Amino acid sequence: MDSILLKEAALKLSPFERAQLIDALWQSLDPSEQSEIDQAWLKESSDRLSAYHRGEIEAVDGESVISELRGKLSR
Protein backbone atom coordinates (compact mmCIF):
# COMPACT_ATOMS: atom_id res chain seq x y z
CA MET A 1 0.00 0.00 0.00
CA ASP A 2 1.29 3.44 -0.89
CA SER A 3 2.25 5.47 2.20
CA ILE A 4 0.03 8.38 1.12
CA LEU A 5 -3.00 6.08 0.86
CA LEU A 6 -2.11 4.51 4.17
CA LYS A 7 -1.93 7.94 5.80
CA GLU A 8 -5.29 8.96 4.35
CA ALA A 9 -6.88 5.74 5.59
CA ALA A 10 -5.36 6.17 9.05
CA LEU A 11 -6.69 9.73 9.33
CA LYS A 12 -10.22 8.42 8.75
CA LEU A 13 -10.00 6.27 11.88
CA SER A 14 -11.56 7.36 15.16
CA PRO A 15 -9.24 9.03 17.67
CA PHE A 16 -9.19 5.84 19.76
CA GLU A 17 -8.30 3.71 16.71
CA ARG A 18 -5.55 6.16 15.72
CA ALA A 19 -4.12 5.98 19.24
CA GLN A 20 -4.11 2.18 19.05
CA LEU A 21 -2.35 2.37 15.68
CA ILE A 22 0.24 4.79 17.03
CA ASP A 23 0.92 2.47 19.96
CA ALA A 24 1.28 -0.56 17.68
CA LEU A 25 3.64 1.27 15.34
CA TRP A 26 5.69 2.66 18.22
CA GLN A 27 6.08 -0.79 19.75
CA SER A 28 7.20 -2.18 16.40
CA LEU A 29 10.17 0.23 16.31
CA ASP A 30 11.90 -1.04 19.43
CA PRO A 31 9.80 -3.44 21.48
CA SER A 32 12.65 -4.13 23.92
CA GLU A 33 12.34 -0.61 25.35
CA GLN A 34 8.53 -0.68 25.61
CA SER A 35 8.50 -2.61 28.88
CA GLU A 36 10.83 -0.07 30.47
CA ILE A 37 8.69 2.81 29.20
CA ASP A 38 5.51 1.13 30.46
CA GLN A 39 7.04 0.63 33.91
CA ALA A 40 8.13 4.28 34.07
CA TRP A 41 4.62 5.47 33.16
CA LEU A 42 3.09 3.08 35.69
CA LYS A 43 5.30 4.53 38.44
CA GLU A 44 4.55 8.10 37.35
CA SER A 45 0.80 7.56 37.27
CA SER A 46 0.91 5.76 40.64
CA ASP A 47 2.90 8.63 42.16
CA ARG A 48 0.45 11.19 40.78
CA LEU A 49 -2.56 9.26 42.06
CA SER A 50 -0.99 8.98 45.52
CA ALA A 51 -0.28 12.73 45.54
CA TYR A 52 -3.90 13.38 44.56
CA HIS A 53 -5.18 11.19 47.40
CA ARG A 54 -2.90 13.02 49.85
CA GLY A 55 -4.36 16.34 48.65
CA GLU A 56 -1.04 17.53 47.22
CA ILE A 57 -2.40 18.03 43.70
CA GLU A 58 -5.85 18.71 42.26
CA ALA A 59 -7.55 16.96 39.40
CA VAL A 60 -8.42 19.06 36.35
CA ASP A 61 -10.79 17.79 33.69
CA GLY A 62 -9.35 17.32 30.21
CA GLU A 63 -11.69 19.77 28.50
CA SER A 64 -10.54 22.59 30.78
CA VAL A 65 -6.89 21.81 30.12
CA ILE A 66 -7.38 21.71 26.34
CA SER A 67 -9.36 24.94 26.41
CA GLU A 68 -6.65 26.67 28.46
CA LEU A 69 -3.90 25.42 26.13
CA ARG A 70 -5.79 26.54 23.03
CA GLY A 71 -6.20 29.99 24.58
CA LYS A 72 -2.49 30.22 25.27
CA LEU A 73 -1.56 29.03 21.78
CA SER A 74 -3.88 31.48 20.02
CA ARG A 75 -2.28 34.53 21.66
PDB file of N, CA and C in Angstrom:
ATOM      1  N   MET A   1       0.849  -1.176   0.000  1.00  0.00           N
ATOM      2  CA  MET A   1       0.000   0.000   0.000  1.00  0.00           C
ATOM      3  C   MET A   1       0.892   1.236   0.000  1.00  0.00           C
ATOM      4  N   ASP A   2       0.566   2.180  -0.814  1.00  0.00           N
ATOM      5  CA  ASP A   2       1.291   3.440  -0.890  1.00  0.00           C
ATOM      6  C   ASP A   2       1.181   4.184   0.442  1.00  0.00           C
ATOM      7  N   SER A   3       2.259   4.808   0.892  1.00  0.00           N
ATOM      8  CA  SER A   3       2.249   5.474   2.199  1.00  0.00           C
ATOM      9  C   SER A   3       1.247   6.623   2.260  1.00  0.00           C
ATOM     10  N   ILE A   4       1.012   7.292   1.144  1.00  0.00           N
ATOM     11  CA  ILE A   4       0.029   8.385   1.121  1.00  0.00           C
ATOM     12  C   ILE A   4      -1.378   7.828   1.333  1.00  0.00           C
ATOM     13  N   LEU A   5      -1.689   6.715   0.671  1.00  0.00           N
ATOM     14  CA  LEU A   5      -3.002   6.084   0.855  1.00  0.00           C
ATOM     15  C   LEU A   5      -3.149   5.560   2.280  1.00  0.00           C
ATOM     16  N   LEU A   6      -2.082   5.014   2.808  1.00  0.00           N
ATOM     17  CA  LEU A   6      -2.110   4.514   4.174  1.00  0.00           C
ATOM     18  C   LEU A   6      -2.379   5.651   5.158  1.00  0.00           C
ATOM     19  N   LYS A   7      -1.721   6.772   4.945  1.00  0.00           N
ATOM     20  CA  LYS A   7      -1.926   7.939   5.801  1.00  0.00           C
ATOM     21  C   LYS A   7      -3.363   8.413   5.721  1.00  0.00           C
ATOM     22  N   GLU A   8      -3.907   8.519   4.517  1.00  0.00           N
ATOM     23  CA  GLU A   8      -5.291   8.959   4.346  1.00  0.00           C
ATOM     24  C   GLU A   8      -6.263   8.013   5.037  1.00  0.00           C
ATOM     25  N   ALA A   9      -6.015   6.718   4.938  1.00  0.00           N
ATOM     26  CA  ALA A   9      -6.882   5.737   5.592  1.00  0.00           C
ATOM     27  C   ALA A   9      -6.774   5.855   7.115  1.00  0.00           C
ATOM     28  N   ALA A  10      -5.563   6.055   7.609  1.00  0.00           N
ATOM     29  CA  ALA A  10      -5.359   6.174   9.053  1.00  0.00           C
ATOM     30  C   ALA A  10      -6.068   7.407   9.604  1.00  0.00           C
ATOM     31  N   LEU A  11      -6.050   8.495   8.865  1.00  0.00           N
ATOM     32  CA  LEU A  11      -6.686   9.725   9.333  1.00  0.00           C
ATOM     33  C   LEU A  11      -8.209   9.624   9.373  1.00  0.00           C
ATOM     34  N   LYS A  12      -8.764   8.632   8.717  1.00  0.00           N
ATOM     35  CA  LYS A  12     -10.216   8.415   8.750  1.00  0.00           C
ATOM     36  C   LYS A  12     -10.650   7.600   9.968  1.00  0.00           C
ATOM     37  N   LEU A  13      -9.694   7.053  10.684  1.00  0.00           N
ATOM     38  CA  LEU A  13      -9.999   6.270  11.879  1.00  0.00           C
ATOM     39  C   LEU A  13     -10.463   7.177  13.015  1.00  0.00           C
ATOM     40  N   SER A  14     -11.153   6.595  13.971  1.00  0.00           N
ATOM     41  CA  SER A  14     -11.564   7.358  15.156  1.00  0.00           C
ATOM     42  C   SER A  14     -10.312   7.709  15.963  1.00  0.00           C
ATOM     43  N   PRO A  15     -10.403   8.704  16.840  1.00  0.00           N
ATOM     44  CA  PRO A  15      -9.241   9.033  17.669  1.00  0.00           C
ATOM     45  C   PRO A  15      -8.721   7.832  18.456  1.00  0.00           C
ATOM     46  N   PHE A  16      -9.619   7.020  18.999  1.00  0.00           N
ATOM     47  CA  PHE A  16      -9.193   5.840  19.756  1.00  0.00           C
ATOM     48  C   PHE A  16      -8.446   4.863  18.851  1.00  0.00           C
ATOM     49  N   GLU A  17      -8.959   4.630  17.646  1.00  0.00           N
ATOM     50  CA  GLU A  17      -8.305   3.705  16.710  1.00  0.00           C
ATOM     51  C   GLU A  17      -6.947   4.243  16.274  1.00  0.00           C
ATOM     52  N   ARG A  18      -6.844   5.569  16.083  1.00  0.00           N
ATOM     53  CA  ARG A  18      -5.554   6.156  15.717  1.00  0.00           C
ATOM     54  C   ARG A  18      -4.548   5.992  16.852  1.00  0.00           C
ATOM     55  N   ALA A  19      -5.016   6.157  18.094  1.00  0.00           N
ATOM     56  CA  ALA A  19      -4.125   5.978  19.242  1.00  0.00           C
ATOM     57  C   ALA A  19      -3.630   4.538  19.322  1.00  0.00           C
ATOM     58  N   GLN A  20      -4.515   3.591  19.047  1.00  0.00           N
ATOM     59  CA  GLN A  20      -4.106   2.183  19.046  1.00  0.00           C
ATOM     60  C   GLN A  20      -3.075   1.924  17.946  1.00  0.00           C
ATOM     61  N   LEU A  21      -3.286   2.526  16.787  1.00  0.00           N
ATOM     62  CA  LEU A  21      -2.351   2.370  15.676  1.00  0.00           C
ATOM     63  C   LEU A  21      -0.997   2.970  16.023  1.00  0.00           C
ATOM     64  N   ILE A  22      -1.012   4.146  16.621  1.00  0.00           N
ATOM     65  CA  ILE A  22       0.239   4.787  17.034  1.00  0.00           C
ATOM     66  C   ILE A  22       0.998   3.889  17.998  1.00  0.00           C
ATOM     67  N   ASP A  23       0.281   3.345  18.972  1.00  0.00           N
ATOM     68  CA  ASP A  23       0.917   2.466  19.959  1.00  0.00           C
ATOM     69  C   ASP A  23       1.529   1.236  19.291  1.00  0.00           C
ATOM     70  N   ALA A  24       0.779   0.631  18.371  1.00  0.00           N
ATOM     71  CA  ALA A  24       1.284  -0.562  17.683  1.00  0.00           C
ATOM     72  C   ALA A  24       2.519  -0.242  16.842  1.00  0.00           C
ATOM     73  N   LEU A  25       2.497   0.886  16.152  1.00  0.00           N
ATOM     74  CA  LEU A  25       3.644   1.273  15.339  1.00  0.00           C
ATOM     75  C   LEU A  25       4.850   1.597  16.214  1.00  0.00           C
ATOM     76  N   TRP A  26       4.605   2.304  17.315  1.00  0.00           N
ATOM     77  CA  TRP A  26       5.687   2.660  18.221  1.00  0.00           C
ATOM     78  C   TRP A  26       6.355   1.408  18.780  1.00  0.00           C
ATOM     79  N   GLN A  27       5.537   0.443  19.199  1.00  0.00           N
ATOM     80  CA  GLN A  27       6.083  -0.788  19.752  1.00  0.00           C
ATOM     81  C   GLN A  27       6.875  -1.571  18.709  1.00  0.00           C
ATOM     82  N   SER A  28       6.496  -1.442  17.447  1.00  0.00           N
ATOM     83  CA  SER A  28       7.204  -2.178  16.400  1.00  0.00           C
ATOM     84  C   SER A  28       8.598  -1.619  16.145  1.00  0.00           C
ATOM     85  N   LEU A  29       8.860  -0.374  16.552  1.00  0.00           N
ATOM     86  CA  LEU A  29      10.166   0.226  16.311  1.00  0.00           C
ATOM     87  C   LEU A  29      11.240  -0.347  17.224  1.00  0.00           C
ATOM     88  N   ASP A  30      10.937  -0.490  18.496  1.00  0.00           N
ATOM     89  CA  ASP A  30      11.904  -1.043  19.431  1.00  0.00           C
ATOM     90  C   ASP A  30      11.161  -1.652  20.610  1.00  0.00           C
ATOM     91  N   PRO A  31      10.617  -2.845  20.420  1.00  0.00           N
ATOM     92  CA  PRO A  31       9.804  -3.444  21.477  1.00  0.00           C
ATOM     93  C   PRO A  31      10.564  -3.731  22.762  1.00  0.00           C
ATOM     94  N   SER A  32      11.882  -3.830  22.705  1.00  0.00           N
ATOM     95  CA  SER A  32      12.648  -4.127  23.916  1.00  0.00           C
ATOM     96  C   SER A  32      12.573  -2.982  24.924  1.00  0.00           C
ATOM     97  N   GLU A  33      12.414  -1.758  24.456  1.00  0.00           N
ATOM     98  CA  GLU A  33      12.336  -0.610  25.349  1.00  0.00           C
ATOM     99  C   GLU A  33      10.919  -0.373  25.865  1.00  0.00           C
ATOM    100  N   GLN A  34       9.905  -0.957  25.239  1.00  0.00           N
ATOM    101  CA  GLN A  34       8.525  -0.678  25.614  1.00  0.00           C
ATOM    102  C   GLN A  34       8.228  -1.066  27.052  1.00  0.00           C
ATOM    103  N   SER A  35       8.743  -2.181  27.516  1.00  0.00           N
ATOM    104  CA  SER A  35       8.497  -2.609  28.884  1.00  0.00           C
ATOM    105  C   SER A  35       9.041  -1.584  29.877  1.00  0.00           C
ATOM    106  N   GLU A  36      10.231  -1.077  29.605  1.00  0.00           N
ATOM    107  CA  GLU A  36      10.832  -0.066  30.470  1.00  0.00           C
ATOM    108  C   GLU A  36       9.996   1.213  30.475  1.00  0.00           C
ATOM    109  N   ILE A  37       9.526   1.618  29.318  1.00  0.00           N
ATOM    110  CA  ILE A  37       8.687   2.812  29.204  1.00  0.00           C
ATOM    111  C   ILE A  37       7.378   2.604  29.953  1.00  0.00           C
ATOM    112  N   ASP A  38       6.759   1.436  29.763  1.00  0.00           N
ATOM    113  CA  ASP A  38       5.507   1.126  30.456  1.00  0.00           C
ATOM    114  C   ASP A  38       5.682   1.173  31.967  1.00  0.00           C
ATOM    115  N   GLN A  39       6.779   0.634  32.465  1.00  0.00           N
ATOM    116  CA  GLN A  39       7.039   0.633  33.907  1.00  0.00           C
ATOM    117  C   GLN A  39       7.236   2.058  34.431  1.00  0.00           C
ATOM    118  N   ALA A  40       7.918   2.889  33.651  1.00  0.00           N
ATOM    119  CA  ALA A  40       8.130   4.282  34.068  1.00  0.00           C
ATOM    120  C   ALA A  40       6.808   5.031  34.140  1.00  0.00           C
ATOM    121  N   TRP A  41       5.936   4.821  33.147  1.00  0.00           N
ATOM    122  CA  TRP A  41       4.625   5.474  33.159  1.00  0.00           C
ATOM    123  C   TRP A  41       3.754   4.940  34.282  1.00  0.00           C
ATOM    124  N   LEU A  42       3.850   3.654  34.587  1.00  0.00           N
ATOM    125  CA  LEU A  42       3.094   3.080  35.694  1.00  0.00           C
ATOM    126  C   LEU A  42       3.509   3.723  37.014  1.00  0.00           C
ATOM    127  N   LYS A  43       4.813   3.882  37.218  1.00  0.00           N
ATOM    128  CA  LYS A  43       5.298   4.528  38.439  1.00  0.00           C
ATOM    129  C   LYS A  43       4.839   5.979  38.494  1.00  0.00           C
ATOM    130  N   GLU A  44       4.958   6.695  37.385  1.00  0.00           N
ATOM    131  CA  GLU A  44       4.553   8.105  37.351  1.00  0.00           C
ATOM    132  C   GLU A  44       3.067   8.257  37.664  1.00  0.00           C
ATOM    133  N   SER A  45       2.235   7.443  37.033  1.00  0.00           N
ATOM    134  CA  SER A  45       0.798   7.556  37.274  1.00  0.00           C
ATOM    135  C   SER A  45       0.448   7.161  38.707  1.00  0.00           C
ATOM    136  N   SER A  46       1.129   6.165  39.249  1.00  0.00           N
ATOM    137  CA  SER A  46       0.906   5.762  40.637  1.00  0.00           C
ATOM    138  C   SER A  46       1.308   6.881  41.592  1.00  0.00           C
ATOM    139  N   ASP A  47       2.447   7.515  41.336  1.00  0.00           N
ATOM    140  CA  ASP A  47       2.905   8.633  42.162  1.00  0.00           C
ATOM    141  C   ASP A  47       1.917   9.795  42.113  1.00  0.00           C
ATOM    142  N   ARG A  48       1.413  10.094  40.923  1.00  0.00           N
ATOM    143  CA  ARG A  48       0.448  11.192  40.785  1.00  0.00           C
ATOM    144  C   ARG A  48      -0.860  10.881  41.505  1.00  0.00           C
ATOM    145  N   LEU A  49      -1.329   9.652  41.391  1.00  0.00           N
ATOM    146  CA  LEU A  49      -2.564   9.264  42.064  1.00  0.00           C
ATOM    147  C   LEU A  49      -2.387   9.344  43.576  1.00  0.00           C
ATOM    148  N   SER A  50      -1.259   8.897  44.074  1.00  0.00           N
ATOM    149  CA  SER A  50      -0.985   8.984  45.515  1.00  0.00           C
ATOM    150  C   SER A  50      -0.960  10.441  45.976  1.00  0.00           C
ATOM    151  N   ALA A  51      -0.330  11.304  45.204  1.00  0.00           N
ATOM    152  CA  ALA A  51      -0.281  12.731  45.544  1.00  0.00           C
ATOM    153  C   ALA A  51      -1.687  13.332  45.537  1.00  0.00           C
ATOM    154  N   TYR A  52      -2.513  12.911  44.608  1.00  0.00           N
ATOM    155  CA  TYR A  52      -3.904  13.385  44.555  1.00  0.00           C
ATOM    156  C   TYR A  52      -4.649  12.948  45.816  1.00  0.00           C
ATOM    157  N   HIS A  53      -4.504  11.695  46.205  1.00  0.00           N
ATOM    158  CA  HIS A  53      -5.183  11.185  47.398  1.00  0.00           C
ATOM    159  C   HIS A  53      -4.690  11.878  48.673  1.00  0.00           C
ATOM    160  N   ARG A  54      -3.440  12.297  48.695  1.00  0.00           N
ATOM    161  CA  ARG A  54      -2.902  13.016  49.854  1.00  0.00           C
ATOM    162  C   ARG A  54      -3.289  14.493  49.835  1.00  0.00           C
ATOM    163  N   GLY A  55      -3.941  14.943  48.763  1.00  0.00           N
ATOM    164  CA  GLY A  55      -4.357  16.340  48.652  1.00  0.00           C
ATOM    165  C   GLY A  55      -3.259  17.272  48.199  1.00  0.00           C
ATOM    166  N   GLU A  56      -2.178  16.716  47.663  1.00  0.00           N
ATOM    167  CA  GLU A  56      -1.043  17.533  47.224  1.00  0.00           C
ATOM    168  C   GLU A  56      -1.252  18.137  45.837  1.00  0.00           C
ATOM    169  N   ILE A  57      -2.079  17.496  45.032  1.00  0.00           N
ATOM    170  CA  ILE A  57      -2.400  18.026  43.704  1.00  0.00           C
ATOM    171  C   ILE A  57      -3.907  17.901  43.482  1.00  0.00           C
ATOM    172  N   GLU A  58      -4.430  18.735  42.594  1.00  0.00           N
ATOM    173  CA  GLU A  58      -5.848  18.705  42.259  1.00  0.00           C
ATOM    174  C   GLU A  58      -6.042  18.083  40.888  1.00  0.00           C
ATOM    175  N   ALA A  59      -7.196  17.503  40.706  1.00  0.00           N
ATOM    176  CA  ALA A  59      -7.547  16.963  39.395  1.00  0.00           C
ATOM    177  C   ALA A  59      -8.174  18.082  38.564  1.00  0.00           C
ATOM    178  N   VAL A  60      -7.846  18.100  37.278  1.00  0.00           N
ATOM    179  CA  VAL A  60      -8.418  19.064  36.352  1.00  0.00           C
ATOM    180  C   VAL A  60      -8.962  18.269  35.174  1.00  0.00           C
ATOM    181  N   ASP A  61     -10.213  18.560  34.793  1.00  0.00           N
ATOM    182  CA  ASP A  61     -10.785  17.789  33.690  1.00  0.00           C
ATOM    183  C   ASP A  61     -10.098  18.149  32.377  1.00  0.00           C
ATOM    184  N   GLY A  62     -10.056  17.179  31.485  1.00  0.00           N
ATOM    185  CA  GLY A  62      -9.351  17.323  30.215  1.00  0.00           C
ATOM    186  C   GLY A  62      -9.845  18.463  29.357  1.00  0.00           C
ATOM    187  N   GLU A  63     -11.145  18.687  29.320  1.00  0.00           N
ATOM    188  CA  GLU A  63     -11.694  19.768  28.498  1.00  0.00           C
ATOM    189  C   GLU A  63     -11.177  21.127  28.948  1.00  0.00           C
ATOM    190  N   SER A  64     -11.065  21.322  30.259  1.00  0.00           N
ATOM    191  CA  SER A  64     -10.542  22.592  30.785  1.00  0.00           C
ATOM    192  C   SER A  64      -9.088  22.791  30.385  1.00  0.00           C
ATOM    193  N   VAL A  65      -8.315  21.732  30.472  1.00  0.00           N
ATOM    194  CA  VAL A  65      -6.892  21.812  30.125  1.00  0.00           C
ATOM    195  C   VAL A  65      -6.727  22.156  28.639  1.00  0.00           C
ATOM    196  N   ILE A  66      -7.467  21.448  27.784  1.00  0.00           N
ATOM    197  CA  ILE A  66      -7.378  21.707  26.337  1.00  0.00           C
ATOM    198  C   ILE A  66      -7.802  23.129  26.019  1.00  0.00           C
ATOM    199  N   SER A  67      -8.879  23.581  26.635  1.00  0.00           N
ATOM    200  CA  SER A  67      -9.357  24.942  26.412  1.00  0.00           C
ATOM    201  C   SER A  67      -8.305  25.970  26.826  1.00  0.00           C
ATOM    202  N   GLU A  68      -7.697  25.755  27.987  1.00  0.00           N
ATOM    203  CA  GLU A  68      -6.655  26.667  28.457  1.00  0.00           C
ATOM    204  C   GLU A  68      -5.457  26.684  27.507  1.00  0.00           C
ATOM    205  N   LEU A  69      -5.034  25.495  27.056  1.00  0.00           N
ATOM    206  CA  LEU A  69      -3.901  25.420  26.130  1.00  0.00           C
ATOM    207  C   LEU A  69      -4.207  26.099  24.808  1.00  0.00           C
ATOM    208  N   ARG A  70      -5.406  25.890  24.288  1.00  0.00           N
ATOM    209  CA  ARG A  70      -5.794  26.544  23.032  1.00  0.00           C
ATOM    210  C   ARG A  70      -5.750  28.064  23.189  1.00  0.00           C
ATOM    211  N   GLY A  71      -6.228  28.546  24.328  1.00  0.00           N
ATOM    212  CA  GLY A  71      -6.196  29.989  24.583  1.00  0.00           C
ATOM    213  C   GLY A  71      -4.785  30.521  24.589  1.00  0.00           C
ATOM    214  N   LYS A  72      -3.888  29.793  25.220  1.00  0.00           N
ATOM    215  CA  LYS A  72      -2.488  30.223  25.272  1.00  0.00           C
ATOM    216  C   LYS A  72      -1.828  30.174  23.898  1.00  0.00           C
ATOM    217  N   LEU A  73      -2.171  29.170  23.103  1.00  0.00           N
ATOM    218  CA  LEU A  73      -1.561  29.031  21.776  1.00  0.00           C
ATOM    219  C   LEU A  73      -2.090  30.057  20.774  1.00  0.00           C
ATOM    220  N   SER A  74      -3.287  30.554  20.991  1.00  0.00           N
ATOM    221  CA  SER A  74      -3.877  31.484  20.021  1.00  0.00           C
ATOM    222  C   SER A  74      -3.459  32.926  20.275  1.00  0.00           C
ATOM    223  N   ARG A  75      -2.720  33.160  21.338  1.00  0.00           N
ATOM    224  CA  ARG A  75      -2.276  34.535  21.660  1.00  0.00           C
ATOM    225  C   ARG A  75      -1.185  34.978  20.766  1.00  0.00           C
TER     226      ARG A  75
END
